[in-house]
């Protein structure tokens, strides 16, 4: 498997992966991300923040986003400390194949090259299964944060409490 930047022609594949992930989230927990518009995905691709995990057979098995600053969730508007992983989604056919672990390993290398000290992620504070999963990937739970009712973040972040995790390099 390899990790590459997503390109514009991948938008329909990214939408498929997010649609499947949203259905999986809702089935598992009763809540989920809201659908991401094509324009939102396109913007992330154009900003070179959206990545894909590609199998040896050239199938996109998963996607994720990277941010170098995260002023709302992490109070980091300078981008000197961490790489932030967001919206990691894996096709159901590839669950259990260590794709998230591969993404974390990739992020560690990218963070090291960028002289960052941490890889950080967040998730819903009440999703115990996902919290345990993050910890099994090597992330340390460092706290929780209540997010504002409205912000520049995707709508699923409005007025929720998130658990904050990091891996120190």
N, C-alpha and C. Protein backbone atom coordinates (compact mmCIF):
# COMPACT_ATOMS: atom_id res chain seq x y z
N UNK A 1 0.85 -1.19 0.00
CA UNK A 1 0.00 0.00 0.00
C UNK A 1 0.88 1.23 0.00
N UNK A 2 0.33 2.27 -0.60
CA UNK A 2 1.06 3.52 -0.64
C UNK A 2 0.09 4.68 -0.35
N UNK A 3 0.66 5.79 0.07
CA UNK A 3 -0.14 6.98 0.36
C UNK A 3 0.25 8.05 -0.63
N UNK A 4 -0.78 8.64 -1.25
CA UNK A 4 -0.57 9.67 -2.26
C UNK A 4 -1.56 10.80 -2.04
N UNK A 5 -1.23 11.96 -2.57
CA UNK A 5 -2.21 13.04 -2.54
C UNK A 5 -3.37 12.67 -3.45
N UNK A 6 -4.56 12.98 -3.00
CA UNK A 6 -5.75 12.76 -3.80
C UNK A 6 -5.77 13.79 -4.92
N UNK A 7 -6.30 13.39 -6.08
CA UNK A 7 -6.40 14.31 -7.22
C UNK A 7 -7.88 14.51 -7.57
N UNK A 8 -8.15 15.53 -8.35
CA UNK A 8 -9.52 15.91 -8.68
C UNK A 8 -10.32 14.72 -9.24
N UNK A 9 -9.70 13.90 -10.06
CA UNK A 9 -10.44 12.77 -10.65
C UNK A 9 -10.80 11.71 -9.61
N UNK A 10 -10.29 11.84 -8.39
CA UNK A 10 -10.62 10.90 -7.31
C UNK A 10 -11.87 11.30 -6.53
N UNK A 11 -12.47 12.45 -6.84
CA UNK A 11 -13.58 12.96 -6.02
C UNK A 11 -14.69 11.93 -5.86
N UNK A 12 -15.10 11.27 -6.92
CA UNK A 12 -16.20 10.30 -6.78
C UNK A 12 -15.79 9.13 -5.88
N UNK A 13 -14.55 8.71 -5.93
CA UNK A 13 -14.07 7.65 -5.04
C UNK A 13 -14.05 8.12 -3.59
N UNK A 14 -13.62 9.35 -3.38
CA UNK A 14 -13.59 9.92 -2.02
C UNK A 14 -15.02 10.01 -1.48
N UNK A 15 -15.95 10.47 -2.31
CA UNK A 15 -17.35 10.57 -1.89
C UNK A 15 -17.90 9.19 -1.52
N UNK A 16 -17.56 8.17 -2.29
CA UNK A 16 -18.01 6.81 -2.00
C UNK A 16 -17.47 6.34 -0.65
N UNK A 17 -16.20 6.60 -0.41
CA UNK A 17 -15.59 6.18 0.85
C UNK A 17 -16.25 6.91 2.02
N UNK A 18 -16.45 8.22 1.90
CA UNK A 18 -17.10 8.97 2.98
C UNK A 18 -18.54 8.51 3.18
N UNK A 19 -19.26 8.24 2.12
CA UNK A 19 -20.65 7.77 2.25
C UNK A 19 -20.70 6.46 3.00
N UNK A 20 -19.80 5.54 2.66
CA UNK A 20 -19.75 4.25 3.34
C UNK A 20 -19.34 4.43 4.81
N UNK A 21 -18.40 5.32 5.06
CA UNK A 21 -17.94 5.57 6.43
C UNK A 21 -19.05 6.19 7.28
N UNK A 22 -19.81 7.10 6.69
CA UNK A 22 -20.91 7.74 7.42
C UNK A 22 -21.96 6.70 7.79
N UNK A 23 -22.29 5.81 6.87
CA UNK A 23 -23.25 4.74 7.17
C UNK A 23 -22.71 3.82 8.27
N UNK A 24 -21.44 3.50 8.22
CA UNK A 24 -20.81 2.66 9.24
C UNK A 24 -20.84 3.34 10.60
N UNK A 25 -20.47 4.62 10.64
CA UNK A 25 -20.50 5.38 11.90
C UNK A 25 -21.90 5.37 12.49
N UNK A 26 -22.88 5.67 11.67
CA UNK A 26 -24.25 5.76 12.17
C UNK A 26 -24.73 4.41 12.68
N UNK A 27 -24.39 3.35 11.98
CA UNK A 27 -24.77 1.99 12.41
C UNK A 27 -24.12 1.64 13.74
N UNK A 28 -22.84 2.02 13.90
CA UNK A 28 -22.09 1.68 15.11
C UNK A 28 -22.50 2.51 16.33
N UNK A 29 -22.82 3.79 16.11
CA UNK A 29 -22.98 4.70 17.25
C UNK A 29 -24.29 5.45 17.29
N UNK A 30 -25.00 5.52 16.17
CA UNK A 30 -26.22 6.32 16.11
C UNK A 30 -25.98 7.77 15.72
N UNK A 31 -24.73 8.16 15.52
CA UNK A 31 -24.40 9.50 15.03
C UNK A 31 -23.25 9.37 14.04
N UNK A 32 -23.05 10.40 13.24
CA UNK A 32 -22.03 10.31 12.19
C UNK A 32 -21.68 11.70 11.68
N UNK A 33 -20.67 11.70 10.82
CA UNK A 33 -20.37 12.92 10.08
C UNK A 33 -21.58 13.25 9.22
N UNK A 34 -21.68 14.50 8.83
CA UNK A 34 -22.64 14.88 7.81
C UNK A 34 -21.97 14.63 6.45
N UNK A 35 -22.74 14.43 5.40
CA UNK A 35 -22.12 14.25 4.08
C UNK A 35 -21.24 15.44 3.72
N UNK A 36 -20.13 15.15 3.08
CA UNK A 36 -19.22 16.20 2.62
C UNK A 36 -19.54 16.51 1.16
N UNK A 37 -19.67 17.76 0.86
CA UNK A 37 -20.01 18.15 -0.51
C UNK A 37 -18.81 17.94 -1.43
N UNK A 38 -19.10 17.81 -2.71
CA UNK A 38 -18.03 17.70 -3.71
C UNK A 38 -17.12 18.92 -3.66
N UNK A 39 -17.71 20.09 -3.43
CA UNK A 39 -16.91 21.31 -3.38
C UNK A 39 -15.97 21.32 -2.17
N UNK A 40 -16.42 20.75 -1.04
CA UNK A 40 -15.56 20.66 0.14
C UNK A 40 -14.38 19.73 -0.14
N UNK A 41 -14.68 18.59 -0.74
CA UNK A 41 -13.62 17.63 -1.07
C UNK A 41 -12.67 18.23 -2.09
N UNK A 42 -13.21 18.89 -3.10
CA UNK A 42 -12.39 19.53 -4.13
C UNK A 42 -11.46 20.57 -3.51
N UNK A 43 -11.98 21.36 -2.58
CA UNK A 43 -11.15 22.38 -1.93
C UNK A 43 -9.99 21.73 -1.17
N UNK A 44 -10.28 20.65 -0.44
CA UNK A 44 -9.20 19.97 0.28
C UNK A 44 -8.15 19.42 -0.68
N UNK A 45 -8.61 18.89 -1.80
CA UNK A 45 -7.67 18.37 -2.81
C UNK A 45 -6.82 19.51 -3.37
N UNK A 46 -7.47 20.61 -3.72
CA UNK A 46 -6.73 21.75 -4.28
C UNK A 46 -5.74 22.33 -3.28
N UNK A 47 -6.07 22.26 -2.00
CA UNK A 47 -5.17 22.76 -0.95
C UNK A 47 -4.12 21.71 -0.57
N UNK A 48 -4.13 20.57 -1.26
CA UNK A 48 -3.16 19.49 -1.04
C UNK A 48 -3.19 18.97 0.39
N UNK A 49 -4.43 18.86 0.93
CA UNK A 49 -4.62 18.37 2.30
C UNK A 49 -5.33 17.02 2.35
N UNK A 50 -5.75 16.50 1.20
CA UNK A 50 -6.49 15.24 1.17
C UNK A 50 -5.58 14.17 0.57
N UNK A 51 -5.54 13.02 1.23
CA UNK A 51 -4.67 11.93 0.83
C UNK A 51 -5.46 10.64 0.70
N UNK A 52 -4.92 9.73 -0.10
CA UNK A 52 -5.56 8.44 -0.31
C UNK A 52 -4.57 7.34 0.01
N UNK A 53 -5.12 6.23 0.49
CA UNK A 53 -4.34 5.02 0.71
C UNK A 53 -4.68 4.11 -0.46
N UNK A 54 -3.68 3.76 -1.25
CA UNK A 54 -3.89 3.01 -2.47
C UNK A 54 -3.31 1.61 -2.31
N UNK A 55 -4.09 0.61 -2.70
CA UNK A 55 -3.64 -0.78 -2.60
C UNK A 55 -2.66 -1.10 -3.73
N UNK A 56 -2.05 -2.26 -3.63
CA UNK A 56 -1.15 -2.72 -4.69
C UNK A 56 -1.89 -2.94 -6.00
N UNK A 57 -3.22 -3.10 -5.91
CA UNK A 57 -4.06 -3.27 -7.10
C UNK A 57 -4.61 -1.92 -7.59
N UNK A 58 -4.09 -0.83 -7.07
CA UNK A 58 -4.47 0.54 -7.44
C UNK A 58 -5.90 0.90 -7.08
N UNK A 59 -6.45 0.30 -6.05
CA UNK A 59 -7.77 0.68 -5.54
C UNK A 59 -7.57 1.61 -4.34
N UNK A 60 -8.40 2.63 -4.27
CA UNK A 60 -8.35 3.53 -3.12
C UNK A 60 -9.08 2.84 -1.97
N UNK A 61 -8.34 2.51 -0.92
CA UNK A 61 -8.90 1.79 0.22
C UNK A 61 -9.36 2.72 1.33
N UNK A 62 -8.81 3.94 1.34
CA UNK A 62 -9.17 4.89 2.39
C UNK A 62 -8.67 6.27 2.06
N UNK A 63 -9.15 7.23 2.81
CA UNK A 63 -8.75 8.62 2.63
C UNK A 63 -8.61 9.28 4.00
N UNK A 64 -7.90 10.38 4.01
CA UNK A 64 -7.77 11.19 5.22
C UNK A 64 -7.31 12.58 4.83
N UNK A 65 -7.45 13.51 5.76
CA UNK A 65 -7.03 14.88 5.55
C UNK A 65 -5.94 15.23 6.55
N UNK A 66 -5.10 16.15 6.15
CA UNK A 66 -4.00 16.62 7.00
C UNK A 66 -4.09 18.13 7.11
N UNK A 67 -3.89 18.62 8.31
CA UNK A 67 -3.79 20.06 8.53
C UNK A 67 -2.49 20.34 9.28
N UNK A 68 -1.88 21.46 8.98
CA UNK A 68 -0.67 21.85 9.69
C UNK A 68 -0.95 22.88 10.77
N UNK A 69 -2.13 23.46 10.74
CA UNK A 69 -2.60 24.34 11.81
C UNK A 69 -4.00 23.88 12.19
N UNK A 70 -4.35 24.08 13.43
CA UNK A 70 -5.69 23.70 13.89
C UNK A 70 -6.08 24.65 15.02
N UNK A 71 -6.47 25.87 14.66
CA UNK A 71 -6.72 26.88 15.68
C UNK A 71 -7.95 26.64 16.53
N UNK A 72 -8.96 25.99 16.01
CA UNK A 72 -10.21 25.85 16.76
C UNK A 72 -10.15 24.67 17.73
N UNK A 73 -9.74 23.52 17.25
CA UNK A 73 -9.72 22.35 18.12
C UNK A 73 -8.50 22.35 19.03
N UNK A 74 -7.34 22.69 18.48
CA UNK A 74 -6.10 22.57 19.23
C UNK A 74 -5.47 23.90 19.62
N UNK A 75 -6.10 25.01 19.33
CA UNK A 75 -5.54 26.34 19.65
C UNK A 75 -4.16 26.53 19.03
N UNK A 76 -3.94 25.95 17.86
CA UNK A 76 -2.65 26.07 17.18
C UNK A 76 -2.87 26.81 15.87
N UNK A 77 -2.57 28.10 15.88
CA UNK A 77 -2.71 28.86 14.65
C UNK A 77 -1.36 29.17 14.00
N UNK A 78 -0.29 28.69 14.59
CA UNK A 78 1.05 28.92 14.05
C UNK A 78 1.55 27.71 13.25
N UNK A 79 1.09 26.50 13.60
CA UNK A 79 1.47 25.31 12.87
C UNK A 79 2.89 24.84 13.09
N UNK A 80 3.45 25.15 14.23
CA UNK A 80 4.83 24.76 14.49
C UNK A 80 4.96 23.42 15.20
N UNK A 81 3.91 22.96 15.85
CA UNK A 81 4.05 21.80 16.73
C UNK A 81 3.64 20.46 16.16
N UNK A 82 2.61 20.43 15.30
CA UNK A 82 2.02 19.13 14.99
C UNK A 82 1.47 19.04 13.57
N UNK A 83 1.28 17.79 13.17
CA UNK A 83 0.47 17.46 12.01
C UNK A 83 -0.85 16.93 12.58
N UNK A 84 -1.95 17.41 12.03
CA UNK A 84 -3.28 17.03 12.50
C UNK A 84 -3.96 16.14 11.47
N UNK A 85 -4.35 14.96 11.88
CA UNK A 85 -5.06 14.03 11.01
C UNK A 85 -6.56 14.20 11.22
N UNK A 86 -7.30 14.28 10.13
CA UNK A 86 -8.76 14.45 10.19
C UNK A 86 -9.43 13.56 9.16
N UNK A 87 -10.68 13.24 9.43
CA UNK A 87 -11.58 12.56 8.50
C UNK A 87 -10.98 11.31 7.87
N UNK A 88 -10.33 10.49 8.68
CA UNK A 88 -9.81 9.23 8.18
C UNK A 88 -10.99 8.27 7.97
N UNK A 89 -11.09 7.75 6.77
CA UNK A 89 -12.18 6.84 6.43
C UNK A 89 -11.63 5.69 5.60
N UNK A 90 -12.08 4.48 5.91
CA UNK A 90 -11.60 3.28 5.25
C UNK A 90 -12.79 2.51 4.71
N UNK A 91 -12.69 2.04 3.48
CA UNK A 91 -13.75 1.20 2.92
C UNK A 91 -13.94 -0.04 3.78
N UNK A 92 -15.17 -0.46 3.93
CA UNK A 92 -15.47 -1.63 4.76
C UNK A 92 -14.66 -2.86 4.36
N UNK A 93 -14.43 -3.05 3.06
CA UNK A 93 -13.66 -4.21 2.59
C UNK A 93 -12.24 -4.23 3.12
N UNK A 94 -11.75 -3.08 3.58
CA UNK A 94 -10.37 -2.98 4.03
C UNK A 94 -10.24 -2.80 5.55
N UNK A 95 -11.34 -2.87 6.26
CA UNK A 95 -11.26 -2.80 7.72
C UNK A 95 -10.48 -4.01 8.23
N UNK A 96 -9.68 -3.77 9.25
CA UNK A 96 -8.88 -4.86 9.82
C UNK A 96 -7.59 -5.14 9.08
N UNK A 97 -7.24 -4.31 8.13
CA UNK A 97 -6.02 -4.52 7.32
C UNK A 97 -4.92 -3.52 7.69
N UNK A 98 -5.02 -2.93 8.86
CA UNK A 98 -3.98 -2.03 9.41
C UNK A 98 -3.76 -0.76 8.58
N UNK A 99 -4.79 -0.30 7.92
CA UNK A 99 -4.64 0.92 7.12
C UNK A 99 -4.42 2.14 8.02
N UNK A 100 -5.15 2.25 9.10
CA UNK A 100 -4.96 3.39 10.00
C UNK A 100 -3.54 3.39 10.56
N UNK A 101 -3.02 2.21 10.87
CA UNK A 101 -1.65 2.12 11.36
C UNK A 101 -0.67 2.63 10.30
N UNK A 102 -0.92 2.29 9.06
CA UNK A 102 -0.07 2.75 7.96
C UNK A 102 -0.14 4.28 7.84
N UNK A 103 -1.32 4.85 8.00
CA UNK A 103 -1.48 6.30 7.94
C UNK A 103 -0.70 6.97 9.07
N UNK A 104 -0.77 6.40 10.27
CA UNK A 104 -0.04 6.96 11.41
C UNK A 104 1.47 6.89 11.17
N UNK A 105 1.95 5.76 10.63
CA UNK A 105 3.38 5.64 10.32
C UNK A 105 3.80 6.70 9.28
N UNK A 106 2.96 6.89 8.27
CA UNK A 106 3.23 7.90 7.25
C UNK A 106 3.28 9.29 7.90
N UNK A 107 2.31 9.57 8.77
CA UNK A 107 2.24 10.88 9.43
C UNK A 107 3.47 11.12 10.32
N UNK A 108 3.96 10.08 10.94
CA UNK A 108 5.16 10.22 11.77
C UNK A 108 6.35 10.64 10.91
N UNK A 109 6.49 10.05 9.76
CA UNK A 109 7.59 10.41 8.86
C UNK A 109 7.42 11.85 8.38
N UNK A 110 6.19 12.21 7.97
CA UNK A 110 5.93 13.58 7.50
C UNK A 110 6.18 14.59 8.61
N UNK A 111 5.75 14.27 9.82
CA UNK A 111 5.96 15.18 10.95
C UNK A 111 7.45 15.35 11.23
N UNK A 112 8.17 14.25 11.21
CA UNK A 112 9.61 14.31 11.44
C UNK A 112 10.29 15.18 10.38
N UNK A 113 9.94 14.98 9.11
CA UNK A 113 10.52 15.78 8.02
C UNK A 113 10.21 17.26 8.18
N UNK A 114 9.05 17.56 8.75
CA UNK A 114 8.61 18.95 8.93
C UNK A 114 9.04 19.53 10.28
N UNK A 115 9.83 18.76 11.02
CA UNK A 115 10.31 19.18 12.34
C UNK A 115 9.17 19.44 13.32
N UNK A 116 8.11 18.66 13.21
CA UNK A 116 6.98 18.76 14.14
C UNK A 116 7.25 17.85 15.33
N UNK A 117 6.61 18.15 16.45
CA UNK A 117 6.81 17.38 17.68
C UNK A 117 5.73 16.34 17.92
N UNK A 118 4.57 16.49 17.24
CA UNK A 118 3.43 15.64 17.53
C UNK A 118 2.65 15.29 16.26
N UNK A 119 1.93 14.19 16.35
CA UNK A 119 0.82 13.89 15.45
C UNK A 119 -0.40 13.95 16.34
N UNK A 120 -1.43 14.66 15.91
CA UNK A 120 -2.62 14.83 16.74
C UNK A 120 -3.88 14.46 15.96
N UNK A 121 -4.82 13.91 16.71
CA UNK A 121 -6.15 13.61 16.16
C UNK A 121 -7.18 13.91 17.23
N UNK A 122 -8.42 13.95 16.81
CA UNK A 122 -9.53 14.11 17.75
C UNK A 122 -10.65 13.18 17.31
N UNK A 123 -11.54 12.89 18.24
CA UNK A 123 -12.74 12.11 17.92
C UNK A 123 -13.83 12.47 18.91
N UNK A 124 -15.05 12.02 18.63
CA UNK A 124 -16.15 12.26 19.56
C UNK A 124 -15.77 11.73 20.94
N UNK A 125 -16.02 12.54 21.95
CA UNK A 125 -15.63 12.18 23.31
C UNK A 125 -16.42 10.99 23.86
N UNK A 126 -17.60 10.73 23.30
CA UNK A 126 -18.42 9.64 23.84
C UNK A 126 -18.30 8.34 23.04
N UNK A 127 -17.37 8.26 22.11
CA UNK A 127 -17.20 7.05 21.31
C UNK A 127 -16.06 6.21 21.92
N UNK A 128 -16.43 5.40 22.91
CA UNK A 128 -15.43 4.63 23.66
C UNK A 128 -14.66 3.66 22.78
N UNK A 129 -15.33 3.06 21.82
CA UNK A 129 -14.67 2.11 20.93
C UNK A 129 -13.59 2.80 20.09
N UNK A 130 -13.91 3.98 19.58
CA UNK A 130 -12.95 4.72 18.77
C UNK A 130 -11.81 5.27 19.63
N UNK A 131 -12.11 5.65 20.85
CA UNK A 131 -11.08 6.12 21.78
C UNK A 131 -10.07 5.00 22.03
N UNK A 132 -10.58 3.80 22.29
CA UNK A 132 -9.69 2.65 22.50
C UNK A 132 -8.88 2.36 21.25
N UNK A 133 -9.51 2.46 20.09
CA UNK A 133 -8.82 2.22 18.82
C UNK A 133 -7.66 3.20 18.65
N UNK A 134 -7.92 4.48 18.94
CA UNK A 134 -6.86 5.49 18.83
C UNK A 134 -5.71 5.17 19.78
N UNK A 135 -6.04 4.76 20.97
CA UNK A 135 -5.00 4.41 21.93
C UNK A 135 -4.20 3.19 21.46
N UNK A 136 -4.88 2.23 20.84
CA UNK A 136 -4.19 1.06 20.30
C UNK A 136 -3.27 1.42 19.13
N UNK A 137 -3.54 2.53 18.47
CA UNK A 137 -2.67 3.01 17.40
C UNK A 137 -1.44 3.75 17.94
N UNK A 138 -1.40 3.95 19.27
CA UNK A 138 -0.25 4.62 19.89
C UNK A 138 -0.52 6.03 20.35
N UNK A 139 -1.74 6.51 20.16
CA UNK A 139 -2.08 7.86 20.62
C UNK A 139 -2.36 7.86 22.11
N UNK A 140 -1.97 8.95 22.74
CA UNK A 140 -2.22 9.15 24.17
C UNK A 140 -3.36 10.16 24.31
N UNK A 141 -4.36 9.80 25.09
CA UNK A 141 -5.46 10.71 25.37
C UNK A 141 -4.94 11.82 26.27
N UNK A 142 -5.08 13.06 25.81
CA UNK A 142 -4.55 14.17 26.61
C UNK A 142 -5.64 15.07 27.17
N UNK A 143 -6.88 14.83 26.78
CA UNK A 143 -7.96 15.64 27.34
C UNK A 143 -9.17 15.68 26.44
N UNK A 144 -10.10 16.51 26.85
CA UNK A 144 -11.33 16.71 26.10
C UNK A 144 -11.54 18.20 25.90
N UNK A 145 -12.34 18.52 24.90
CA UNK A 145 -12.62 19.92 24.63
C UNK A 145 -14.04 20.05 24.09
N UNK A 146 -14.77 21.02 24.61
CA UNK A 146 -16.09 21.35 24.09
C UNK A 146 -15.91 22.36 22.96
N UNK A 147 -16.44 22.02 21.79
CA UNK A 147 -16.29 22.90 20.64
C UNK A 147 -17.46 23.89 20.57
N UNK A 148 -17.24 25.03 19.92
CA UNK A 148 -18.29 26.06 19.86
C UNK A 148 -19.48 25.61 19.01
N UNK A 149 -20.62 26.26 19.21
CA UNK A 149 -21.83 25.91 18.44
C UNK A 149 -21.66 26.14 16.93
N UNK A 150 -20.84 27.10 16.55
CA UNK A 150 -20.59 27.37 15.13
C UNK A 150 -19.12 27.76 14.97
N UNK A 151 -18.54 27.30 13.86
CA UNK A 151 -17.15 27.62 13.57
C UNK A 151 -16.91 27.39 12.07
N UNK A 152 -15.66 27.52 11.67
CA UNK A 152 -15.30 27.25 10.27
C UNK A 152 -15.06 25.77 10.01
N UNK A 153 -15.22 24.95 11.03
CA UNK A 153 -15.04 23.51 10.87
C UNK A 153 -16.26 22.90 10.17
N UNK A 154 -16.13 21.68 9.63
CA UNK A 154 -17.31 21.00 9.10
C UNK A 154 -18.40 20.92 10.16
N UNK A 155 -19.65 20.90 9.72
CA UNK A 155 -20.81 21.02 10.61
C UNK A 155 -20.87 19.96 11.70
N UNK A 156 -20.33 18.77 11.45
CA UNK A 156 -20.41 17.72 12.48
C UNK A 156 -19.61 18.07 13.74
N UNK A 157 -18.77 19.10 13.67
CA UNK A 157 -18.02 19.54 14.84
C UNK A 157 -18.80 20.53 15.72
N UNK A 158 -19.88 21.06 15.21
CA UNK A 158 -20.60 22.09 15.96
C UNK A 158 -21.13 21.57 17.29
N UNK A 159 -20.72 22.25 18.35
CA UNK A 159 -21.26 22.03 19.69
C UNK A 159 -21.12 20.59 20.19
N UNK A 160 -19.98 19.96 19.90
CA UNK A 160 -19.73 18.62 20.44
C UNK A 160 -18.50 18.65 21.32
N UNK A 161 -18.38 17.63 22.13
CA UNK A 161 -17.18 17.46 22.94
C UNK A 161 -16.30 16.44 22.22
N UNK A 162 -15.01 16.76 22.10
CA UNK A 162 -14.08 15.86 21.45
C UNK A 162 -13.01 15.41 22.43
N UNK A 163 -12.51 14.21 22.21
CA UNK A 163 -11.33 13.71 22.91
C UNK A 163 -10.13 14.05 22.05
N UNK A 164 -9.07 14.50 22.70
CA UNK A 164 -7.86 14.93 22.02
C UNK A 164 -6.74 13.91 22.27
N UNK A 165 -6.07 13.53 21.19
CA UNK A 165 -5.02 12.52 21.27
C UNK A 165 -3.76 13.02 20.57
N UNK A 166 -2.61 12.55 21.05
CA UNK A 166 -1.38 12.87 20.35
C UNK A 166 -0.36 11.76 20.52
N UNK A 167 0.53 11.71 19.55
CA UNK A 167 1.73 10.88 19.62
C UNK A 167 2.89 11.86 19.63
N UNK A 168 3.72 11.76 20.63
CA UNK A 168 4.90 12.62 20.71
C UNK A 168 6.03 11.94 19.94
N UNK A 169 6.68 12.70 19.09
CA UNK A 169 7.81 12.16 18.30
C UNK A 169 9.11 12.32 19.06
